Protein backbone atom coordinates (compact mmCIF):
# COMPACT_ATOMS: atom_id res chain seq x y z
CA MET A 1 -70.32 -71.45 -33.32
CA ARG A 2 -73.13 -71.33 -30.78
CA VAL A 3 -73.48 -68.13 -28.72
CA THR A 4 -75.99 -67.55 -25.96
CA VAL A 5 -76.51 -64.08 -24.56
CA PHE A 6 -77.98 -64.17 -21.06
CA ASN A 7 -79.63 -60.76 -20.71
CA GLY A 8 -80.22 -59.69 -17.12
CA SER A 9 -81.98 -56.43 -17.86
CA PRO A 10 -85.48 -55.92 -16.45
CA ARG A 11 -86.40 -53.88 -19.55
CA ARG A 12 -87.17 -55.71 -22.77
CA ASN A 13 -86.81 -52.49 -24.75
CA GLY A 14 -84.09 -50.79 -22.73
CA ASN A 15 -80.47 -49.92 -23.36
CA THR A 16 -79.06 -53.40 -22.71
CA SER A 17 -81.66 -55.01 -24.96
CA ALA A 18 -80.80 -52.55 -27.74
CA LEU A 19 -77.14 -53.51 -27.34
CA THR A 20 -77.83 -57.26 -27.30
CA SER A 21 -80.10 -57.00 -30.32
CA SER A 22 -77.36 -55.31 -32.30
CA LEU A 23 -74.70 -57.73 -31.01
CA LEU A 24 -76.81 -60.76 -31.95
CA GLU A 25 -77.21 -59.37 -35.46
CA THR A 26 -73.47 -58.66 -35.73
CA MET A 27 -72.54 -62.13 -34.46
CA ALA A 28 -75.04 -63.85 -36.76
CA GLY A 29 -73.53 -61.89 -39.63
CA ARG A 30 -70.18 -63.44 -38.72
CA GLY A 31 -71.63 -66.94 -38.89
CA ALA A 32 -72.51 -67.49 -35.23
CA GLU A 33 -75.72 -69.19 -34.21
CA ALA A 34 -76.75 -66.62 -31.61
CA GLU A 35 -79.63 -66.72 -29.15
CA GLU A 36 -80.76 -64.42 -26.35
CA VAL A 37 -82.27 -65.53 -23.05
CA MET A 38 -84.06 -62.89 -20.97
CA LEU A 39 -83.23 -63.74 -17.35
CA PHE A 40 -85.54 -61.21 -15.70
CA VAL A 41 -88.69 -63.01 -16.89
CA LYS A 42 -87.43 -66.32 -15.49
CA ASN A 43 -87.99 -67.55 -11.96
CA ILE A 44 -84.36 -67.89 -10.82
CA LEU A 45 -83.47 -67.81 -7.16
CA GLY A 46 -79.91 -67.27 -6.03
CA CYS A 47 -77.82 -70.12 -4.64
CA ASN A 48 -78.70 -70.88 -1.01
CA ASN A 49 -75.43 -72.75 -0.39
CA CYS A 50 -77.21 -75.95 0.64
CA GLY A 51 -74.28 -77.97 -0.70
CA ARG A 52 -76.41 -80.70 -2.26
CA CYS A 53 -74.87 -80.14 -5.70
CA GLN A 54 -71.47 -80.85 -4.19
CA SER A 55 -72.57 -84.16 -2.68
CA GLU A 56 -73.52 -87.48 -4.18
CA ASP A 57 -77.21 -86.57 -3.73
CA LEU A 58 -77.37 -84.23 -6.72
CA PRO A 59 -74.27 -84.42 -8.89
CA SER A 60 -74.16 -81.47 -11.33
CA ARG A 61 -77.73 -80.44 -10.56
CA CYS A 62 -79.25 -77.88 -8.26
CA SER A 63 -81.86 -78.72 -5.63
CA ILE A 64 -83.84 -75.49 -6.19
CA PRO A 65 -86.88 -76.22 -8.37
CA ASP A 66 -87.12 -73.18 -10.63
CA ASP A 67 -86.44 -72.08 -14.22
CA MET A 68 -82.69 -72.52 -13.91
CA SER A 69 -82.99 -76.21 -14.80
CA CYS A 70 -83.91 -75.32 -18.40
CA LEU A 71 -80.99 -72.86 -18.67
CA TYR A 72 -78.16 -75.26 -17.81
CA PRO A 73 -78.37 -77.00 -21.22
CA LYS A 74 -78.30 -73.65 -23.04
CA PHE A 75 -75.25 -72.61 -21.04
CA LEU A 76 -73.45 -75.93 -21.54
CA ASP A 77 -74.27 -76.21 -25.27
CA SER A 78 -72.82 -72.77 -26.01
CA ASP A 79 -69.30 -72.21 -27.30
CA LEU A 80 -69.47 -68.65 -25.98
CA VAL A 81 -71.72 -67.21 -23.30
CA VAL A 82 -72.26 -63.47 -23.02
CA PHE A 83 -73.59 -62.04 -19.79
CA ALA A 84 -75.44 -58.83 -20.70
CA THR A 85 -76.56 -56.53 -17.94
CA PRO A 86 -76.99 -52.93 -17.02
CA ILE A 87 -74.80 -51.81 -14.16
CA TYR A 88 -76.84 -50.96 -11.07
CA MET A 89 -75.03 -49.56 -8.06
CA TRP A 90 -71.62 -50.69 -9.43
CA ASN A 91 -72.79 -54.27 -10.02
CA PHE A 92 -74.83 -56.61 -12.18
CA THR A 93 -78.60 -56.83 -11.79
CA PRO A 94 -79.87 -59.21 -9.11
CA CYS A 95 -81.22 -61.70 -11.66
CA THR A 96 -77.83 -61.81 -13.39
CA LEU A 97 -76.11 -62.45 -10.07
CA ALA A 98 -78.66 -65.14 -9.15
CA PHE A 99 -78.03 -66.87 -12.49
CA MET A 100 -74.27 -66.73 -11.97
CA THR A 101 -74.42 -68.16 -8.43
CA ARG A 102 -76.51 -71.07 -9.63
CA LEU A 103 -73.84 -72.15 -12.10
CA HIS A 104 -71.82 -73.40 -9.14
CA CYS A 105 -73.45 -76.83 -9.37
CA LEU A 106 -71.59 -77.41 -12.65
CA CYS A 107 -68.28 -77.66 -10.81
CA ARG A 108 -67.39 -79.91 -7.92
CA HIS A 109 -64.21 -78.63 -6.30
CA GLY A 110 -63.47 -81.70 -4.23
CA GLU A 111 -63.54 -83.90 -7.31
CA PRO A 112 -60.67 -83.42 -9.77
CA GLY A 113 -61.80 -83.26 -13.34
CA PHE A 114 -65.45 -82.49 -12.59
CA ASN A 115 -65.89 -78.99 -13.90
CA LEU A 116 -68.39 -78.54 -16.70
CA MET A 117 -67.48 -74.84 -16.94
CA LYS A 118 -63.76 -75.36 -17.49
CA GLY A 119 -62.70 -73.86 -20.80
CA LYS A 120 -66.10 -72.21 -21.41
CA LYS A 121 -65.59 -68.82 -23.04
CA ALA A 122 -67.45 -65.96 -21.40
CA ALA A 123 -67.82 -62.26 -22.15
CA LEU A 124 -69.70 -59.24 -20.86
CA ALA A 125 -71.97 -56.70 -22.58
CA LEU A 126 -72.62 -53.80 -20.23
CA THR A 127 -74.65 -50.62 -20.26
CA MET A 128 -74.68 -47.94 -17.61
CA GLY A 129 -76.09 -44.50 -16.99
CA ASP A 130 -72.72 -43.18 -15.88
CA GLU A 131 -69.08 -43.24 -16.95
CA ALA A 132 -67.46 -46.57 -17.79
CA SER A 133 -65.45 -46.65 -14.56
CA VAL A 134 -68.59 -47.53 -12.56
CA ALA A 135 -68.42 -50.99 -14.15
CA SER A 136 -64.79 -51.68 -13.19
CA ALA A 137 -65.61 -53.52 -9.94
CA ALA A 138 -68.22 -55.68 -11.71
CA ILE A 139 -65.79 -56.48 -14.53
CA ALA A 140 -63.05 -57.38 -12.04
CA GLY A 141 -65.48 -59.60 -10.14
CA PHE A 142 -66.51 -61.32 -13.36
CA ARG A 143 -62.90 -61.96 -14.28
CA GLU A 144 -62.41 -63.56 -10.85
CA PHE A 145 -65.59 -65.62 -11.39
CA CYS A 146 -64.15 -66.89 -14.68
CA ALA A 147 -60.76 -67.66 -13.15
CA TYR A 148 -62.31 -69.51 -10.20
CA PHE A 149 -64.37 -71.78 -12.44
CA GLY A 150 -61.68 -72.22 -15.09
CA MET A 151 -63.61 -70.26 -17.71
CA GLU A 152 -61.87 -68.16 -20.33
CA TYR A 153 -62.65 -64.46 -20.05
CA ALA A 154 -63.09 -63.33 -23.66
CA GLY A 155 -63.58 -59.61 -23.02
CA HIS A 156 -66.29 -57.02 -22.63
CA ILE A 157 -68.06 -54.18 -24.30
CA SER A 158 -69.26 -51.23 -22.21
CA VAL A 159 -71.63 -48.48 -23.20
CA PRO A 160 -71.34 -45.59 -20.72
CA PHE A 161 -74.09 -42.97 -20.50
CA ALA A 162 -76.21 -45.46 -22.42
CA ASP A 163 -79.04 -44.16 -24.54
CA ARG A 164 -81.29 -46.61 -26.35
CA GLU A 165 -81.77 -44.34 -29.35
CA LYS A 166 -78.02 -43.91 -29.85
CA ILE A 167 -77.43 -47.66 -29.52
CA ALA A 168 -80.28 -48.50 -31.90
CA SER A 169 -79.10 -45.90 -34.41
CA GLY A 170 -75.83 -47.75 -34.90
CA GLU A 171 -73.61 -45.29 -33.06
CA TYR A 172 -71.72 -48.19 -31.44
CA LEU A 173 -71.51 -50.48 -34.48
CA GLU A 174 -67.73 -50.11 -34.74
CA GLU A 175 -67.24 -51.07 -31.09
CA GLU A 176 -69.75 -53.93 -31.44
CA ALA A 177 -67.98 -55.27 -34.54
CA ALA A 178 -64.60 -55.12 -32.77
CA PHE A 179 -66.06 -56.88 -29.71
CA ALA A 180 -67.72 -59.57 -31.84
CA GLY A 181 -64.49 -60.09 -33.76
CA ARG A 182 -62.49 -60.51 -30.53
CA VAL A 183 -64.86 -62.85 -28.74
CA LEU A 184 -65.77 -64.97 -31.75
CA SER A 185 -62.16 -65.41 -32.87
CA GLN A 186 -61.30 -66.81 -29.45
CA SER A 187 -63.94 -69.51 -29.69
């Protein structure tokens, strides 16, 4: 099974990266071919709603010339995609949101049967500096995102009051193993 973790944290050595590092190791230990993509270091603009991807001009491609073009194959070739992000102000990071909006070109709503995201399994890995409830709006929005595009929401793991040292020490290994078991068994 091929898993790609799209990490939207601006910190390479922060809480979310500690969580994704451990998750990648756990998933690889369960036989998954797992890879991480750091979104923050990519040049990804948000969707500008030009509509060209929905016309005959650019079928299933985006007109914005940035790093997103190299990420579509990684997304499409994955059996499971994990969106990893810290929660900022009750939401995902801006680069995570930009990445998500740009996936729209993979689905043409006026054309039955043209949805490259349909059936794709997606999950969340979240860290936050507060209690878990601050992520509930973001999780609900992600579930709606999945439903709208016909993706299968596979679940989430949340680390409230995240602390890199605690994550790296293995304090969340049990939760990570349970999460990996759930999301990998669904793929």
